[in-house]
Every structure is written in C-alpha cells, then in structure tokens.
Amino acid sequence: MAKGKDIRIIVILECICCGVNKESPGISRYITQKNRHNTPNRLEFRKFCRYCQKYTIHGEIKK
C-alpha cells in the first residue's frame, strides 16, 4: 500500500485561544489520530490548556 493512501493519519490539535492571545507564555498542542474516510472535516475537541488554565477548544492544524 502506498504511503499517501493510509486511512489513519496523525493530526495536531492546537488551542484556539493561545494562538489569538499573544500574551500567553506558550501554545497548548495535542497529538491524535483520525480516520480520513470517516472524518474528512477538521477535528475540534474541548481539551485542557495548561497556559489558559481552563478547558478550551483545540482545533486541527496543518503540519
């Protein structure tokens, strides 16, 4: 099977609030996998951001 046709791909989730707020000391990121065929859209999860100290929306970013 060709490498470009893998069904499960690795995606990076990044905090939306930290990317907008320039005063934060860093950007919270999580790594997960998704099935390309079942979820073709970008993922969004509520995860804990250690820089904001609360649960925020983490969205999928490009590699």
PDB file of N, CA and C in Angstrom:
ATOM      1  N   MET A   1       0.846  -1.179   0.000  1.00  0.00           N
ATOM      2  CA  MET A   1       0.000   0.000   0.000  1.00  0.00           C
ATOM      3  C   MET A   1       0.889   1.239   0.000  1.00  0.00           C
ATOM      4  N   ALA A   2       0.533   2.205  -0.783  1.00  0.00           N
ATOM      5  CA  ALA A   2       1.310   3.435  -0.885  1.00  0.00           C
ATOM      6  C   ALA A   2       1.190   4.253   0.390  1.00  0.00           C
ATOM      7  N   LYS A   3       2.244   5.002   0.694  1.00  0.00           N
ATOM      8  CA  LYS A   3       2.274   5.763   1.929  1.00  0.00           C
ATOM      9  C   LYS A   3       1.232   6.888   1.939  1.00  0.00           C
ATOM     10  N   GLY A   4       0.913   7.479   0.813  1.00  0.00           N
ATOM     11  CA  GLY A   4      -0.033   8.580   0.749  1.00  0.00           C
ATOM     12  C   GLY A   4      -1.480   8.152   0.881  1.00  0.00           C
ATOM     13  N   LYS A   5      -1.776   6.859   0.842  1.00  0.00           N
ATOM     14  CA  LYS A   5      -3.161   6.398   0.900  1.00  0.00           C
ATOM     15  C   LYS A   5      -3.508   5.752   2.235  1.00  0.00           C
ATOM     16  N   ASP A   6      -2.746   6.039   3.273  1.00  0.00           N
ATOM     17  CA  ASP A   6      -3.066   5.498   4.594  1.00  0.00           C
ATOM     18  C   ASP A   6      -4.407   6.046   5.060  1.00  0.00           C
ATOM     19  N   ILE A   7      -5.182   5.196   5.701  1.00  0.00           N
ATOM     20  CA  ILE A   7      -6.510   5.608   6.159  1.00  0.00           C
ATOM     21  C   ILE A   7      -6.399   6.434   7.441  1.00  0.00           C
ATOM     22  N   ARG A   8      -5.617   5.945   8.424  1.00  0.00           N
ATOM     23  CA  ARG A   8      -5.464   6.667   9.683  1.00  0.00           C
ATOM     24  C   ARG A   8      -4.271   7.600   9.572  1.00  0.00           C
ATOM     25  N   ILE A   9      -4.499   8.881   9.873  1.00  0.00           N
ATOM     26  CA  ILE A   9      -3.426   9.862   9.797  1.00  0.00           C
ATOM     27  C   ILE A   9      -3.259  10.533  11.154  1.00  0.00           C
ATOM     28  N   ILE A  10      -2.064  11.040  11.409  1.00  0.00           N
ATOM     29  CA  ILE A  10      -1.760  11.746  12.646  1.00  0.00           C
ATOM     30  C   ILE A  10      -2.080  13.219  12.450  1.00  0.00           C
ATOM     31  N   VAL A  11      -2.814  13.801  13.404  1.00  0.00           N
ATOM     32  CA  VAL A  11      -3.178  15.209  13.344  1.00  0.00           C
ATOM     33  C   VAL A  11      -2.736  15.907  14.627  1.00  0.00           C
ATOM     34  N   ILE A  12      -2.517  17.208  14.527  1.00  0.00           N
ATOM     35  CA  ILE A  12      -2.117  18.026  15.668  1.00  0.00           C
ATOM     36  C   ILE A  12      -3.267  18.967  16.007  1.00  0.00           C
ATOM     37  N   LEU A  13      -3.654  18.979  17.283  1.00  0.00           N
ATOM     38  CA  LEU A  13      -4.705  19.868  17.775  1.00  0.00           C
ATOM     39  C   LEU A  13      -4.047  21.014  18.541  1.00  0.00           C
ATOM     40  N   GLU A  14      -4.426  22.251  18.221  1.00  0.00           N
ATOM     41  CA  GLU A  14      -3.828  23.421  18.842  1.00  0.00           C
ATOM     42  C   GLU A  14      -4.907  24.281  19.489  1.00  0.00           C
ATOM     43  N   CYS A  15      -4.599  24.843  20.632  1.00  0.00           N
ATOM     44  CA  CYS A  15      -5.540  25.705  21.356  1.00  0.00           C
ATOM     45  C   CYS A  15      -5.850  26.945  20.530  1.00  0.00           C
ATOM     46  N   ILE A  16      -7.122  27.247  20.375  1.00  0.00           N
ATOM     47  CA  ILE A  16      -7.531  28.403  19.586  1.00  0.00           C
ATOM     48  C   ILE A  16      -7.269  29.698  20.356  1.00  0.00           C
ATOM     49  N   CYS A  17      -7.454  29.689  21.665  1.00  0.00           N
ATOM     50  CA  CYS A  17      -7.275  30.899  22.474  1.00  0.00           C
ATOM     51  C   CYS A  17      -5.807  31.325  22.561  1.00  0.00           C
ATOM     52  N   CYS A  18      -4.900  30.384  22.707  1.00  0.00           N
ATOM     53  CA  CYS A  18      -3.473  30.706  22.819  1.00  0.00           C
ATOM     54  C   CYS A  18      -2.921  31.247  21.504  1.00  0.00           C
ATOM     55  N   GLY A  19      -3.443  30.788  20.378  1.00  0.00           N
ATOM     56  CA  GLY A  19      -2.983  31.276  19.084  1.00  0.00           C
ATOM     57  C   GLY A  19      -3.368  32.721  18.850  1.00  0.00           C
ATOM     58  N   VAL A  20      -4.517  33.136  19.388  1.00  0.00           N
ATOM     59  CA  VAL A  20      -5.001  34.509  19.219  1.00  0.00           C
ATOM     60  C   VAL A  20      -4.366  35.421  20.266  1.00  0.00           C
ATOM     61  N   ASN A  21      -4.263  34.952  21.506  1.00  0.00           N
ATOM     62  CA  ASN A  21      -3.748  35.745  22.619  1.00  0.00           C
ATOM     63  C   ASN A  21      -2.223  35.719  22.594  1.00  0.00           C
ATOM     64  N   LYS A  22      -1.589  36.841  22.291  1.00  0.00           N
ATOM     65  CA  LYS A  22      -0.121  36.907  22.211  1.00  0.00           C
ATOM     66  C   LYS A  22       0.533  37.021  23.583  1.00  0.00           C
ATOM     67  N   GLU A  23      -0.248  37.262  24.643  1.00  0.00           N
ATOM     68  CA  GLU A  23       0.306  37.412  25.984  1.00  0.00           C
ATOM     69  C   GLU A  23       0.556  36.062  26.658  1.00  0.00           C
ATOM     70  N   SER A  24       0.051  34.960  26.101  1.00  0.00           N
ATOM     71  CA  SER A  24       0.216  33.655  26.720  1.00  0.00           C
ATOM     72  C   SER A  24       1.673  33.194  26.589  1.00  0.00           C
ATOM     73  N   PRO A  25       2.186  32.453  27.580  1.00  0.00           N
ATOM     74  CA  PRO A  25       3.584  32.019  27.547  1.00  0.00           C
ATOM     75  C   PRO A  25       3.876  30.934  26.523  1.00  0.00           C
ATOM     76  N   GLY A  26       2.850  30.270  25.996  1.00  0.00           N
ATOM     77  CA  GLY A  26       3.069  29.212  25.016  1.00  0.00           C
ATOM     78  C   GLY A  26       1.765  28.820  24.346  1.00  0.00           C
ATOM     79  N   ILE A  27       1.832  27.763  23.530  1.00  0.00           N
ATOM     80  CA  ILE A  27       0.655  27.274  22.817  1.00  0.00           C
ATOM     81  C   ILE A  27       0.470  25.806  23.175  1.00  0.00           C
ATOM     82  N   SER A  28      -0.723  25.456  23.636  1.00  0.00           N
ATOM     83  CA  SER A  28      -1.042  24.084  24.007  1.00  0.00           C
ATOM     84  C   SER A  28      -1.331  23.272  22.748  1.00  0.00           C
ATOM     85  N   ARG A  29      -0.684  22.090  22.635  1.00  0.00           N
ATOM     86  CA  ARG A  29      -0.896  21.213  21.484  1.00  0.00           C
ATOM     87  C   ARG A  29      -1.063  19.777  21.946  1.00  0.00           C
ATOM     88  N   TYR A  30      -1.923  19.055  21.247  1.00  0.00           N
ATOM     89  CA  TYR A  30      -2.145  17.637  21.469  1.00  0.00           C
ATOM     90  C   TYR A  30      -1.954  16.913  20.145  1.00  0.00           C
ATOM     91  N   ILE A  31      -1.532  15.656  20.192  1.00  0.00           N
ATOM     92  CA  ILE A  31      -1.382  14.827  19.002  1.00  0.00           C
ATOM     93  C   ILE A  31      -2.360  13.669  19.100  1.00  0.00           C
ATOM     94  N   THR A  32      -3.088  13.388  18.015  1.00  0.00           N
ATOM     95  CA  THR A  32      -4.053  12.303  17.974  1.00  0.00           C
ATOM     96  C   THR A  32      -4.106  11.742  16.562  1.00  0.00           C
ATOM     97  N   GLN A  33      -4.956  10.760  16.353  1.00  0.00           N
ATOM     98  CA  GLN A  33      -5.141  10.163  15.033  1.00  0.00           C
ATOM     99  C   GLN A  33      -6.588  10.298  14.624  1.00  0.00           C
ATOM    100  N   LYS A  34      -6.817  10.294  13.308  1.00  0.00           N
ATOM    101  CA  LYS A  34      -8.186  10.295  12.822  1.00  0.00           C
ATOM    102  C   LYS A  34      -8.259   9.420  11.580  1.00  0.00           C
ATOM    103  N   ASN A  35      -9.466   8.926  11.317  1.00  0.00           N
ATOM    104  CA  ASN A  35      -9.720   8.133  10.127  1.00  0.00           C
ATOM    105  C   ASN A  35     -10.099   9.095   9.009  1.00  0.00           C
ATOM    106  N   ARG A  36      -9.314   9.096   7.957  1.00  0.00           N
ATOM    107  CA  ARG A  36      -9.507  10.049   6.866  1.00  0.00           C
ATOM    108  C   ARG A  36     -10.857   9.871   6.166  1.00  0.00           C
ATOM    109  N   HIS A  37     -11.334   8.627   6.062  1.00  0.00           N
ATOM    110  CA  HIS A  37     -12.578   8.364   5.340  1.00  0.00           C
ATOM    111  C   HIS A  37     -13.816   8.715   6.173  1.00  0.00           C
ATOM    112  N   ASN A  38     -13.786   8.446   7.472  1.00  0.00           N
ATOM    113  CA  ASN A  38     -14.942   8.710   8.327  1.00  0.00           C
ATOM    114  C   ASN A  38     -15.068  10.178   8.722  1.00  0.00           C
ATOM    115  N   THR A  39     -13.954  10.879   8.888  1.00  0.00           N
ATOM    116  CA  THR A  39     -13.979  12.284   9.301  1.00  0.00           C
ATOM    117  C   THR A  39     -13.113  13.111   8.360  1.00  0.00           C
ATOM    118  N   PRO A  40     -13.635  13.483   7.203  1.00  0.00           N
ATOM    119  CA  PRO A  40     -12.836  14.284   6.270  1.00  0.00           C
ATOM    120  C   PRO A  40     -12.680  15.746   6.712  1.00  0.00           C
ATOM    121  N   ASN A  41     -13.569  16.228   7.581  1.00  0.00           N
ATOM    122  CA  ASN A  41     -13.501  17.616   8.062  1.00  0.00           C
ATOM    123  C   ASN A  41     -12.455  17.740   9.158  1.00  0.00           C
ATOM    124  N   ARG A  42     -12.151  18.986   9.524  1.00  0.00           N
ATOM    125  CA  ARG A  42     -11.184  19.227  10.589  1.00  0.00           C
ATOM    126  C   ARG A  42     -11.803  18.900  11.951  1.00  0.00           C
ATOM    127  N   LEU A  43     -10.983  18.349  12.842  1.00  0.00           N
ATOM    128  CA  LEU A  43     -11.441  17.984  14.179  1.00  0.00           C
ATOM    129  C   LEU A  43     -11.407  19.187  15.112  1.00  0.00           C
ATOM    130  N   GLU A  44     -12.306  19.193  16.084  1.00  0.00           N
ATOM    131  CA  GLU A  44     -12.299  20.168  17.174  1.00  0.00           C
ATOM    132  C   GLU A  44     -12.734  19.455  18.449  1.00  0.00           C
ATOM    133  N   PHE A  45     -11.902  19.554  19.480  1.00  0.00           N
ATOM    134  CA  PHE A  45     -12.200  18.940  20.773  1.00  0.00           C
ATOM    135  C   PHE A  45     -12.025  19.971  21.867  1.00  0.00           C
ATOM    136  N   ARG A  46     -12.742  19.760  22.970  1.00  0.00           N
ATOM    137  CA  ARG A  46     -12.517  20.558  24.171  1.00  0.00           C
ATOM    138  C   ARG A  46     -11.474  19.833  25.011  1.00  0.00           C
ATOM    139  N   LYS A  47     -10.298  20.444  25.130  1.00  0.00           N
ATOM    140  CA  LYS A  47      -9.197  19.859  25.882  1.00  0.00           C
ATOM    141  C   LYS A  47      -8.696  20.892  26.898  1.00  0.00           C
ATOM    142  N   PHE A  48      -7.930  20.424  27.883  1.00  0.00           N
ATOM    143  CA  PHE A  48      -7.392  21.319  28.895  1.00  0.00           C
ATOM    144  C   PHE A  48      -6.145  22.011  28.369  1.00  0.00           C
ATOM    145  N   CYS A  49      -6.124  23.335  28.487  1.00  0.00           N
ATOM    146  CA  CYS A  49      -4.966  24.132  28.090  1.00  0.00           C
ATOM    147  C   CYS A  49      -4.226  24.537  29.358  1.00  0.00           C
ATOM    148  N   ARG A  50      -2.981  24.137  29.484  1.00  0.00           N
ATOM    149  CA  ARG A  50      -2.238  24.445  30.706  1.00  0.00           C
ATOM    150  C   ARG A  50      -1.799  25.900  30.764  1.00  0.00           C
ATOM    151  N   TYR A  51      -1.806  26.606  29.644  1.00  0.00           N
ATOM    152  CA  TYR A  51      -1.437  28.017  29.642  1.00  0.00           C
ATOM    153  C   TYR A  51      -2.636  28.905  29.984  1.00  0.00           C
ATOM    154  N   CYS A  52      -3.819  28.543  29.498  1.00  0.00           N
ATOM    155  CA  CYS A  52      -5.047  29.287  29.833  1.00  0.00           C
ATOM    156  C   CYS A  52      -5.625  28.842  31.175  1.00  0.00           C
ATOM    157  N   GLN A  53      -5.231  27.664  31.657  1.00  0.00           N
ATOM    158  CA  GLN A  53      -5.710  27.078  32.913  1.00  0.00           C
ATOM    159  C   GLN A  53      -7.202  26.798  32.888  1.00  0.00           C
ATOM    160  N   LYS A  54      -7.730  26.385  31.716  1.00  0.00           N
ATOM    161  CA  LYS A  54      -9.135  26.022  31.597  1.00  0.00           C
ATOM    162  C   LYS A  54      -9.320  25.155  30.354  1.00  0.00           C
ATOM    163  N   TYR A  55     -10.518  24.588  30.217  1.00  0.00           N
ATOM    164  CA  TYR A  55     -10.847  23.787  29.047  1.00  0.00           C
ATOM    165  C   TYR A  55     -11.212  24.719  27.894  1.00  0.00           C
ATOM    166  N   THR A  56     -10.523  24.567  26.775  1.00  0.00           N
ATOM    167  CA  THR A  56     -10.764  25.399  25.601  1.00  0.00           C
ATOM    168  C   THR A  56     -10.901  24.501  24.374  1.00  0.00           C
ATOM    169  N   ILE A  57     -11.287  25.099  23.267  1.00  0.00           N
ATOM    170  CA  ILE A  57     -11.423  24.352  22.022  1.00  0.00           C
ATOM    171  C   ILE A  57     -10.048  24.237  21.369  1.00  0.00           C
ATOM    172  N   HIS A  58      -9.679  23.015  21.025  1.00  0.00           N
ATOM    173  CA  HIS A  58      -8.451  22.734  20.301  1.00  0.00           C
ATOM    174  C   HIS A  58      -8.839  22.274  18.902  1.00  0.00           C
ATOM    175  N   GLY A  59      -8.346  22.970  17.894  1.00  0.00           N
ATOM    176  CA  GLY A  59      -8.685  22.653  16.512  1.00  0.00           C
ATOM    177  C   GLY A  59      -7.507  22.057  15.773  1.00  0.00           C
ATOM    178  N   GLU A  60      -7.813  21.317  14.722  1.00  0.00           N
ATOM    179  CA  GLU A  60      -6.786  20.668  13.907  1.00  0.00           C
ATOM    180  C   GLU A  60      -6.047  21.713  13.080  1.00  0.00           C
ATOM    181  N   ILE A  61      -4.709  21.577  13.021  1.00  0.00           N
ATOM    182  CA  ILE A  61      -3.894  22.478  12.229  1.00  0.00           C
ATOM    183  C   ILE A  61      -3.159  21.690  11.151  1.00  0.00           C
ATOM    184  N   LYS A  62      -2.605  22.400  10.179  1.00  0.00           N
ATOM    185  CA  LYS A  62      -1.824  21.744   9.133  1.00  0.00           C
ATOM    186  C   LYS A  62      -0.441  21.424   9.660  1.00  0.00           C
ATOM    187  N   LYS A  63       0.171  20.382   9.117  1.00  0.00           N
ATOM    188  CA  LYS A  63       1.541  20.040   9.502  1.00  0.00           C
ATOM    189  C   LYS A  63       2.516  20.879   8.739  1.00  0.00           C
TER     190      LYS A  63
END
